[in-house]
Amino acid sequence: MFLKELISQGWQALMRDRMRSALTMLGIVWGLASVVLLLAYGQGLGGCVLNAFLNMGNNVIVLWPGQTSTQAGGQRAGKKVTYELEDVEAIRDEVPIVRAVSGEIDRDFGFKIGTRVVSIQVRGVDMPYGQMRKLSLEDGRYFNEGDFADHRRVVILGYEAAKKVFQGAPGVGQHVEIGGLDFEVIGTMRNKIQDSMYQGPDNENGFIPFGLMRDLKNIRDPDEIIIQPTAPELNKKALAAVREVIARRHHFDPKDEKATPEWDTIEDRAMINAFSLGLQAVLGLIGVVTLAVGGIGVMNIMLVSVTERTREIGLRKAIGARPRHILVQFLLEALVLTFAGGVIGMAVAVLLTWAIPPMPLYDEFYKTANHEGAIFLHASLSVMIVSFVILSMVGIVSGFFPALKASRLNPIEALRYE
């Protein structure tokens, strides 16, 4: 009840000079709106960049053949490593912490439709490749076991590749000549936002069963091996176990990383997350500086209020008010002023986040219906909580020093003040 009365008194004190209070609150309104908007932008940008990076694959590690840098098993250093089909099978059979594994062969092909021929990068892949590399289809279907077992001539086209081959016409069910053989298009991909890749973006590629690629190019062994650990935190163990298998089969030291260079997207994800948090921290700091300017305005107005009400403070002390009562009263007045401006500022920020349209980060992808390549400003619960905590700190700091000054006034000198 005592706290309620103090808050009521604080509000009444502020309403004595409404213009001054409103102008002071304006600094808080603008400052808090800046904090929310900047944090929302940082969160939206970080999320957009992370989403574009993660679209390369679902916690995957890509291994390329390299060459040895140390001597092992009687083999000379500098020996070139070449993957074999049996390496993929050995990893699948011997490494239980690898959820999925796929070999991959990458080659350019001419796609002939009628008299027109276009060049498309084609990847020969195994069955698990689709979920590992996030090949999300817009039309048609993904490969099934029968496609691999029966060596069916089927192909899946990326979003841009389908447009290039069929010039905007529906591709699923159509036939195209690849390497002199007739292939059926069984699926076309959704437009994929992707800023991490190898051998070009998936949008511009075609995908065929691994066995068909071997037949077309008379190639037996994979160019790369893609693995997916059973859990992201097992990425180091899975990579070490896979290297053990390949090293045993090719007679090199499993600790020789140059023999099998890798791209661990799980580690990169942690780096992107750190970048996102750092960006939000920097933008939040800029917003805090803006809010601190409003806090200085609150401190100034409270110091003026203490000076104007010196006799009132002396009278309160004379009739028994303790210094802590005066301290709490003026601190609450500062907090009432701060939070009143904060509520308005938060409402303004939320309104602006809904009013500001998505901002394109990837121009060529911004045309997609779901705006995956755009930065959304969204005042999430976490942003609002962080903003509220910052506002509380600014309010306490802004009100404490004027309140401390008021609580330390000598009652006799305060009563004599003119």
Protein backbone atom coordinates (compact mmCIF):
# COMPACT_ATOMS: atom_id res chain seq x y z
CA MET A 1 0.00 0.00 0.00
CA PHE A 2 2.88 2.33 0.91
CA LEU A 3 4.49 1.67 -2.48
CA LYS A 4 1.22 2.36 -4.27
CA GLU A 5 0.90 5.73 -2.52
CA LEU A 6 4.48 6.66 -3.40
CA ILE A 7 3.89 5.84 -7.07
CA SER A 8 0.68 7.87 -7.02
CA GLN A 9 2.48 10.81 -5.44
CA GLY A 10 5.28 10.51 -7.98
CA TRP A 11 2.80 10.61 -10.85
CA GLN A 12 1.02 13.64 -9.39
CA ALA A 13 4.36 15.42 -8.98
CA LEU A 14 5.15 14.84 -12.64
CA MET A 15 1.74 16.07 -13.72
CA ARG A 16 2.35 19.44 -12.09
CA ASP A 17 4.41 20.42 -15.11
CA ARG A 18 3.05 18.30 -17.92
CA MET A 19 4.94 19.99 -20.73
CA ARG A 20 8.30 19.48 -19.03
CA SER A 21 7.48 15.87 -18.22
CA ALA A 22 6.27 15.20 -21.78
CA LEU A 23 9.44 16.62 -23.32
CA THR A 24 11.56 14.56 -20.93
CA MET A 25 9.56 11.41 -21.76
CA LEU A 26 10.13 12.08 -25.46
CA GLY A 27 13.84 11.32 -25.02
CA ILE A 28 12.96 8.01 -23.35
CA VAL A 29 10.38 7.18 -26.06
CA TRP A 30 12.89 7.73 -28.87
CA GLY A 31 15.71 6.01 -26.98
CA LEU A 32 13.74 2.85 -26.20
CA ALA A 33 12.26 2.71 -29.70
CA SER A 34 15.85 2.86 -31.04
CA VAL A 35 16.93 0.01 -28.76
CA VAL A 36 14.03 -2.23 -29.83
CA LEU A 37 14.41 -1.45 -33.54
CA LEU A 38 18.17 -1.98 -33.56
CA LEU A 39 17.93 -5.24 -31.61
CA ALA A 40 15.12 -6.41 -33.90
CA TYR A 41 17.21 -5.55 -36.97
CA GLY A 42 20.23 -7.37 -35.57
CA GLN A 43 18.12 -10.42 -34.78
CA GLY A 44 16.50 -10.35 -38.23
CA LEU A 45 19.81 -9.91 -40.07
CA GLY A 46 21.54 -12.60 -38.04
CA GLY A 47 18.65 -15.00 -38.58
CA CYS A 48 18.60 -14.33 -42.32
CA VAL A 49 22.35 -14.90 -42.69
CA LEU A 50 22.20 -18.05 -40.55
CA ASN A 51 19.25 -19.42 -42.53
CA ALA A 52 21.03 -18.80 -45.84
CA PHE A 53 24.16 -20.52 -44.54
CA LEU A 54 22.33 -23.51 -43.05
CA ASN A 55 20.50 -24.15 -46.32
CA MET A 56 23.71 -25.69 -47.63
CA GLY A 57 23.04 -28.77 -45.54
CA ASN A 58 21.54 -30.29 -42.42
CA ASN A 59 24.58 -30.54 -40.07
CA VAL A 60 26.82 -32.03 -42.75
CA ILE A 61 30.56 -32.45 -43.22
CA VAL A 62 32.03 -32.56 -46.73
CA LEU A 63 35.31 -34.39 -47.29
CA TRP A 64 37.51 -33.99 -50.37
CA PRO A 65 40.47 -36.16 -51.36
CA GLY A 66 43.80 -34.44 -50.72
CA GLN A 67 47.37 -35.59 -50.44
CA THR A 68 49.37 -36.86 -47.50
CA SER A 69 51.70 -34.55 -45.60
CA THR A 70 53.32 -37.18 -43.36
CA GLN A 71 54.81 -40.61 -43.92
CA ALA A 72 52.79 -43.56 -42.67
CA GLY A 73 52.71 -47.31 -43.33
CA GLY A 74 55.72 -47.17 -45.61
CA GLN A 75 54.00 -44.62 -47.86
CA ARG A 76 55.78 -41.44 -48.89
CA ALA A 77 54.50 -37.99 -47.98
CA GLY A 78 52.77 -36.15 -50.82
CA LYS A 79 50.86 -39.21 -51.99
CA LYS A 80 47.57 -38.28 -53.65
CA VAL A 81 44.46 -39.73 -52.02
CA THR A 82 41.64 -40.88 -54.28
CA TYR A 83 38.32 -41.91 -52.77
CA GLU A 84 36.75 -45.23 -53.73
CA LEU A 85 33.15 -46.43 -53.79
CA GLU A 86 34.05 -48.90 -51.04
CA ASP A 87 35.04 -45.99 -48.76
CA VAL A 88 31.41 -44.85 -48.65
CA GLU A 89 30.22 -48.39 -47.92
CA ALA A 90 32.85 -48.83 -45.19
CA ILE A 91 31.82 -45.58 -43.48
CA ARG A 92 28.17 -46.63 -43.64
CA ASP A 93 28.95 -50.03 -42.08
CA GLU A 94 31.68 -49.17 -39.57
CA VAL A 95 30.84 -45.73 -38.13
CA PRO A 96 27.60 -45.91 -36.11
CA ILE A 97 27.74 -42.24 -35.08
CA VAL A 98 27.32 -41.26 -38.75
CA ARG A 99 23.59 -41.06 -39.44
CA ALA A 100 23.90 -40.78 -43.22
CA VAL A 101 26.65 -40.81 -45.84
CA SER A 102 26.65 -40.14 -49.57
CA GLY A 103 29.23 -40.18 -52.30
CA GLU A 104 29.05 -37.42 -54.92
CA ILE A 105 30.31 -36.95 -58.47
CA ASP A 106 30.12 -33.50 -60.13
CA ARG A 107 30.26 -33.03 -63.90
CA ASP A 108 28.97 -30.64 -66.56
CA PHE A 109 26.43 -31.94 -69.10
CA GLY A 110 24.62 -30.55 -72.09
CA PHE A 111 20.82 -30.76 -71.66
CA LYS A 112 19.16 -31.09 -75.07
CA ILE A 113 15.51 -30.09 -75.49
CA GLY A 114 14.49 -30.21 -79.13
CA THR A 115 17.23 -28.35 -80.97
CA ARG A 116 18.31 -26.31 -77.97
CA VAL A 117 21.22 -27.33 -75.72
CA VAL A 118 22.06 -25.76 -72.34
CA SER A 119 24.96 -26.57 -70.03
CA ILE A 120 24.06 -27.68 -66.48
CA GLN A 121 26.25 -28.86 -63.61
CA VAL A 122 24.99 -32.33 -62.61
CA ARG A 123 25.64 -34.16 -59.35
CA GLY A 124 25.47 -37.91 -59.01
CA VAL A 125 24.27 -38.62 -55.47
CA ASP A 126 23.13 -41.41 -53.17
CA MET A 127 19.69 -41.82 -51.59
CA PRO A 128 20.38 -39.97 -48.27
CA TYR A 129 21.71 -36.90 -50.10
CA GLY A 130 18.35 -35.11 -50.30
CA GLN A 131 17.72 -34.78 -46.57
CA MET A 132 21.41 -34.17 -45.85
CA ARG A 133 21.68 -31.29 -48.29
CA LYS A 134 18.15 -29.93 -47.88
CA LEU A 135 16.88 -30.52 -51.41
CA SER A 136 13.34 -29.27 -50.88
CA LEU A 137 11.09 -29.88 -53.87
CA GLU A 138 8.41 -27.57 -55.21
CA ASP A 139 6.99 -30.06 -57.72
CA GLY A 140 7.34 -33.78 -58.28
CA ARG A 141 9.17 -36.24 -56.05
CA TYR A 142 12.60 -37.17 -54.75
CA PHE A 143 14.44 -40.35 -55.75
CA ASN A 144 13.23 -43.67 -54.36
CA GLU A 145 14.99 -47.00 -53.88
CA GLY A 146 13.67 -48.26 -57.21
CA ASP A 147 15.39 -45.42 -59.08
CA PHE A 148 18.75 -46.64 -57.77
CA ALA A 149 18.08 -50.38 -58.01
CA ASP A 150 16.69 -50.24 -61.58
CA HIS A 151 19.08 -47.53 -62.84
CA ARG A 152 16.12 -45.42 -63.95
CA ARG A 153 17.04 -42.39 -66.02
CA VAL A 154 15.55 -39.73 -63.79
CA VAL A 155 16.76 -36.24 -62.89
CA ILE A 156 15.85 -33.53 -60.36
CA LEU A 157 16.49 -29.92 -61.36
CA GLY A 158 17.31 -26.94 -59.19
CA TYR A 159 15.05 -23.87 -59.37
CA GLU A 160 17.24 -21.87 -61.76
CA ALA A 161 18.31 -24.96 -63.72
CA ALA A 162 14.64 -25.82 -64.44
CA LYS A 163 14.01 -22.26 -65.65
CA LYS A 164 17.10 -22.42 -67.84
CA VAL A 165 16.16 -25.78 -69.37
CA PHE A 166 12.41 -25.31 -69.82
CA GLN A 167 12.30 -21.48 -70.02
CA GLY A 168 9.62 -21.13 -67.35
CA ALA A 169 7.40 -24.03 -68.50
CA PRO A 170 6.57 -26.84 -66.02
CA GLY A 171 9.40 -29.36 -65.96
CA VAL A 172 8.05 -32.35 -64.03
CA GLY A 173 7.12 -35.18 -66.38
CA GLN A 174 9.09 -33.69 -69.27
CA HIS A 175 11.95 -35.54 -70.96
CA VAL A 176 15.41 -34.17 -71.68
CA GLU A 177 18.46 -35.67 -73.33
CA ILE A 178 21.54 -35.87 -71.09
CA GLY A 179 24.75 -37.36 -72.40
CA GLY A 180 22.90 -38.81 -75.36
CA LEU A 181 20.34 -40.62 -73.17
CA ASP A 182 16.68 -39.79 -72.51
CA PHE A 183 15.95 -38.70 -68.91
CA GLU A 184 12.63 -37.95 -67.20
CA VAL A 185 12.42 -34.91 -64.93
CA ILE A 186 10.80 -36.24 -61.72
CA GLY A 187 11.17 -33.14 -59.56
CA THR A 188 12.07 -29.45 -59.44
CA MET A 189 13.42 -27.70 -56.36
CA ARG A 190 12.06 -24.71 -54.51
CA ASN A 191 14.01 -21.49 -54.83
CA LYS A 192 16.79 -22.09 -52.31
CA ILE A 193 18.41 -19.24 -50.38
CA GLN A 194 22.05 -20.32 -50.15
CA ASP A 195 25.21 -18.32 -49.57
CA SER A 196 27.44 -21.28 -48.63
CA MET A 197 28.19 -23.81 -51.34
CA TYR A 198 30.70 -25.82 -53.34
CA GLN A 199 30.47 -26.54 -57.06
CA GLY A 200 27.90 -23.75 -57.41
CA PRO A 201 24.48 -23.14 -55.81
CA ASP A 202 22.00 -26.02 -55.71
CA ASN A 203 19.51 -23.84 -57.57
CA GLU A 204 21.64 -24.12 -60.71
CA ASN A 205 22.40 -27.86 -60.49
CA GLY A 206 20.78 -31.07 -61.63
CA PHE A 207 20.79 -34.26 -59.54
CA ILE A 208 20.79 -37.87 -60.75
CA PRO A 209 21.33 -41.23 -59.01
CA PHE A 210 24.98 -42.01 -58.29
CA GLY A 211 24.97 -45.19 -60.38
CA LEU A 212 23.69 -43.36 -63.46
CA MET A 213 26.49 -40.81 -63.21
CA ARG A 214 29.00 -43.66 -63.12
CA ASP A 215 27.45 -45.14 -66.28
CA LEU A 216 27.32 -41.80 -68.13
CA LYS A 217 30.90 -40.78 -67.45
CA ASN A 218 32.43 -44.22 -66.91
CA ILE A 219 33.47 -43.06 -63.42
CA ARG A 220 33.47 -45.54 -60.58
CA ASP A 221 34.50 -43.52 -57.55
CA PRO A 222 33.17 -40.37 -55.83
CA ASP A 223 34.72 -36.91 -56.00
CA GLU A 224 33.51 -36.03 -52.49
CA ILE A 225 32.02 -37.82 -49.50
CA ILE A 226 29.28 -36.12 -47.45
CA ILE A 227 28.55 -37.34 -43.92
CA GLN A 228 25.97 -36.39 -41.30
CA PRO A 229 26.67 -37.18 -37.61
CA THR A 230 23.85 -38.58 -35.45
CA ALA A 231 24.05 -35.36 -33.38
CA PRO A 232 25.75 -31.99 -34.08
CA GLU A 233 27.90 -32.22 -30.93
CA LEU A 234 29.40 -35.49 -32.25
CA ASN A 235 30.88 -33.82 -35.32
CA LYS A 236 34.51 -34.09 -34.13
CA LYS A 237 34.17 -37.73 -33.13
CA ALA A 238 32.37 -38.64 -36.34
CA LEU A 239 34.99 -36.90 -38.47
CA ALA A 240 37.83 -38.63 -36.60
CA ALA A 241 36.13 -42.04 -36.97
CA VAL A 242 35.57 -41.50 -40.71
CA ARG A 243 39.21 -40.48 -41.16
CA GLU A 244 40.25 -43.67 -39.33
CA VAL A 245 38.29 -45.76 -41.84
CA ILE A 246 39.61 -43.93 -44.92
CA ALA A 247 43.18 -43.84 -43.56
CA ARG A 248 43.16 -47.59 -42.92
CA ARG A 249 41.94 -48.27 -46.43
CA HIS A 250 44.40 -45.90 -48.13
CA HIS A 251 47.37 -46.40 -45.78
CA PHE A 252 47.99 -42.95 -44.36
CA ASP A 253 48.05 -41.41 -40.88
CA PRO A 254 44.45 -40.70 -39.71
CA LYS A 255 45.72 -37.56 -37.99
CA ASP A 256 46.94 -36.20 -41.33
CA GLU A 257 44.13 -33.71 -42.04
CA LYS A 258 45.62 -32.67 -45.38
CA ALA A 259 44.97 -36.14 -46.73
CA THR A 260 41.22 -35.60 -46.33
CA PRO A 261 40.45 -31.86 -46.11
CA GLU A 262 36.93 -31.17 -44.86
CA TRP A 263 34.28 -28.51 -44.57
CA ASP A 264 32.52 -28.83 -41.22
CA THR A 265 29.32 -26.80 -41.49
CA ILE A 266 28.53 -27.52 -37.83
CA GLU A 267 31.59 -25.54 -36.73
CA ASP A 268 30.72 -22.76 -39.15
CA ARG A 269 27.22 -22.60 -37.69
CA ALA A 270 28.72 -21.75 -34.30
CA MET A 271 30.75 -18.98 -35.94
CA ILE A 272 27.65 -17.55 -37.64
CA ASN A 273 25.78 -17.64 -34.32
CA ALA A 274 28.65 -15.77 -32.66
CA PHE A 275 28.56 -13.20 -35.48
CA SER A 276 24.82 -12.77 -34.98
CA LEU A 277 25.17 -12.25 -31.22
CA GLY A 278 28.06 -9.83 -31.74
CA LEU A 279 26.05 -7.84 -34.26
CA GLN A 280 23.10 -7.61 -31.88
CA ALA A 281 25.43 -6.52 -29.08
CA VAL A 282 26.92 -3.71 -31.19
CA LEU A 283 23.52 -2.51 -32.40
CA GLY A 284 22.12 -2.81 -28.89
CA LEU A 285 25.02 -0.69 -27.56
CA ILE A 286 24.20 2.01 -30.10
CA GLY A 287 20.60 1.93 -28.92
CA VAL A 288 21.68 2.06 -25.27
CA VAL A 289 23.74 5.21 -25.97
CA THR A 290 20.63 6.81 -27.51
CA LEU A 291 18.54 5.73 -24.52
CA ALA A 292 21.21 7.04 -22.14
CA VAL A 293 20.77 10.50 -23.66
CA GLY A 294 17.10 10.29 -22.68
CA GLY A 295 18.22 9.08 -19.24
CA ILE A 296 20.38 12.18 -18.84
CA GLY A 297 17.28 14.24 -19.58
CA VAL A 298 15.45 12.40 -16.78
CA MET A 299 18.35 13.04 -14.41
CA ASN A 300 18.37 16.75 -15.25
CA ILE A 301 14.65 17.12 -14.73
CA MET A 302 14.83 15.28 -11.40
CA LEU A 303 17.68 17.53 -10.21
CA VAL A 304 15.55 20.54 -11.11
CA SER A 305 12.63 18.94 -9.24
CA VAL A 306 14.80 18.42 -6.14
CA THR A 307 15.85 22.07 -6.25
CA GLU A 308 12.26 23.30 -6.69
CA ARG A 309 10.97 21.11 -3.86
CA THR A 310 13.76 21.75 -1.35
CA ARG A 311 11.37 23.28 1.21
CA GLU A 312 8.95 20.37 0.73
CA ILE A 313 11.79 17.94 1.44
CA GLY A 314 12.75 19.89 4.56
CA LEU A 315 9.15 19.85 5.76
CA ARG A 316 8.84 16.09 5.22
CA LYS A 317 12.02 15.49 7.18
CA ALA A 318 10.88 17.83 9.93
CA ILE A 319 7.71 15.79 10.51
CA GLY A 320 9.58 12.48 10.63
CA ALA A 321 10.41 11.32 7.10
CA ARG A 322 13.64 9.35 7.03
CA PRO A 323 16.31 9.80 4.30
CA ARG A 324 15.38 6.42 2.79
CA HIS A 325 11.76 7.56 2.42
CA ILE A 326 12.89 10.64 0.49
CA LEU A 327 15.30 8.50 -1.57
CA VAL A 328 12.58 6.00 -2.50
CA GLN A 329 10.08 8.76 -3.31
CA PHE A 330 12.33 10.58 -5.81
CA LEU A 331 13.67 7.34 -7.24
CA LEU A 332 10.11 6.16 -7.88
CA GLU A 333 9.26 9.47 -9.53
CA ALA A 334 12.18 8.98 -11.91
CA LEU A 335 11.10 5.38 -12.60
CA VAL A 336 7.49 6.42 -13.21
CA LEU A 337 8.70 8.99 -15.72
CA THR A 338 11.06 6.48 -17.34
CA PHE A 339 8.59 3.61 -17.58
CA ALA A 340 5.77 5.83 -18.82
CA GLY A 341 8.02 6.92 -21.67
CA GLY A 342 9.21 3.33 -22.07
CA VAL A 343 5.69 1.97 -22.54
CA ILE A 344 5.02 4.52 -25.26
CA GLY A 345 8.43 3.88 -26.84
CA MET A 346 7.86 0.13 -26.89
CA ALA A 347 4.44 0.59 -28.48
CA VAL A 348 5.98 2.88 -31.13
CA ALA A 349 8.76 0.34 -31.80
CA VAL A 350 6.33 -2.58 -32.16
CA LEU A 351 4.20 -0.51 -34.52
CA LEU A 352 7.25 0.37 -36.63
CA THR A 353 8.46 -3.25 -36.80
CA TRP A 354 5.09 -4.21 -38.30
CA ALA A 355 4.95 -1.18 -40.58
CA ILE A 356 8.50 -1.48 -42.01
CA PRO A 357 8.40 -3.95 -44.94
CA PRO A 358 10.93 -6.82 -45.23
CA MET A 359 14.29 -5.53 -46.39
CA PRO A 360 16.01 -7.61 -49.10
CA LEU A 361 19.39 -9.09 -48.21
CA TYR A 362 19.60 -11.21 -51.37
CA ASP A 363 18.05 -9.27 -54.23
CA GLU A 364 17.76 -12.21 -56.59
CA PHE A 365 15.93 -14.23 -53.93
CA TYR A 366 13.66 -11.45 -52.70
CA LYS A 367 11.10 -12.35 -55.34
CA THR A 368 10.27 -15.61 -53.58
CA ALA A 369 6.79 -15.79 -52.17
CA ASN A 370 7.92 -16.41 -48.60
CA HIS A 371 10.64 -13.70 -48.63
CA GLU A 372 13.28 -16.09 -47.29
CA GLY A 373 16.03 -13.75 -48.48
CA ALA A 374 14.64 -10.72 -46.64
CA ILE A 375 15.38 -9.26 -43.22
CA PHE A 376 12.29 -9.05 -41.04
CA LEU A 377 12.07 -6.63 -38.12
CA HIS A 378 10.24 -8.53 -35.41
CA ALA A 379 10.09 -7.34 -31.81
CA SER A 380 10.35 -10.82 -30.29
CA LEU A 381 9.86 -11.58 -26.60
CA SER A 382 13.62 -11.78 -26.06
CA VAL A 383 14.10 -8.34 -27.65
CA MET A 384 11.36 -6.87 -25.46
CA ILE A 385 12.83 -8.41 -22.29
CA VAL A 386 16.33 -7.13 -23.06
CA SER A 387 14.92 -3.68 -23.84
CA PHE A 388 12.99 -3.67 -20.56
CA VAL A 389 16.10 -4.60 -18.59
CA ILE A 390 18.09 -1.82 -20.28
CA LEU A 391 15.26 0.64 -19.60
CA SER A 392 15.17 -0.37 -15.92
CA MET A 393 18.92 0.19 -15.56
CA VAL A 394 18.71 3.60 -17.23
CA GLY A 395 15.77 4.59 -15.01
CA ILE A 396 17.53 3.52 -11.81
CA VAL A 397 20.80 5.25 -12.70
CA SER A 398 19.01 8.41 -13.85
CA GLY A 399 16.91 8.68 -10.71
CA PHE A 400 19.37 7.50 -8.08
CA PHE A 401 21.72 10.49 -7.93
CA PRO A 402 18.98 13.15 -7.74
CA ALA A 403 17.16 10.99 -5.14
CA LEU A 404 20.40 10.60 -3.15
CA LYS A 405 20.91 14.36 -3.22
CA ALA A 406 17.36 14.90 -1.94
CA SER A 407 17.76 12.34 0.86
CA ARG A 408 20.95 14.03 2.11
CA LEU A 409 19.51 17.54 2.41
CA ASN A 410 19.73 19.07 5.86
CA PRO A 411 16.11 19.69 7.01
CA ILE A 412 16.92 23.05 8.68
CA GLU A 413 18.74 24.40 5.64
CA ALA A 414 16.01 23.01 3.37
CA LEU A 415 13.30 24.88 5.34
CA ARG A 416 15.28 28.10 5.01
CA TYR A 417 15.68 27.67 1.22
CA GLU A 418 14.00 30.38 -0.87
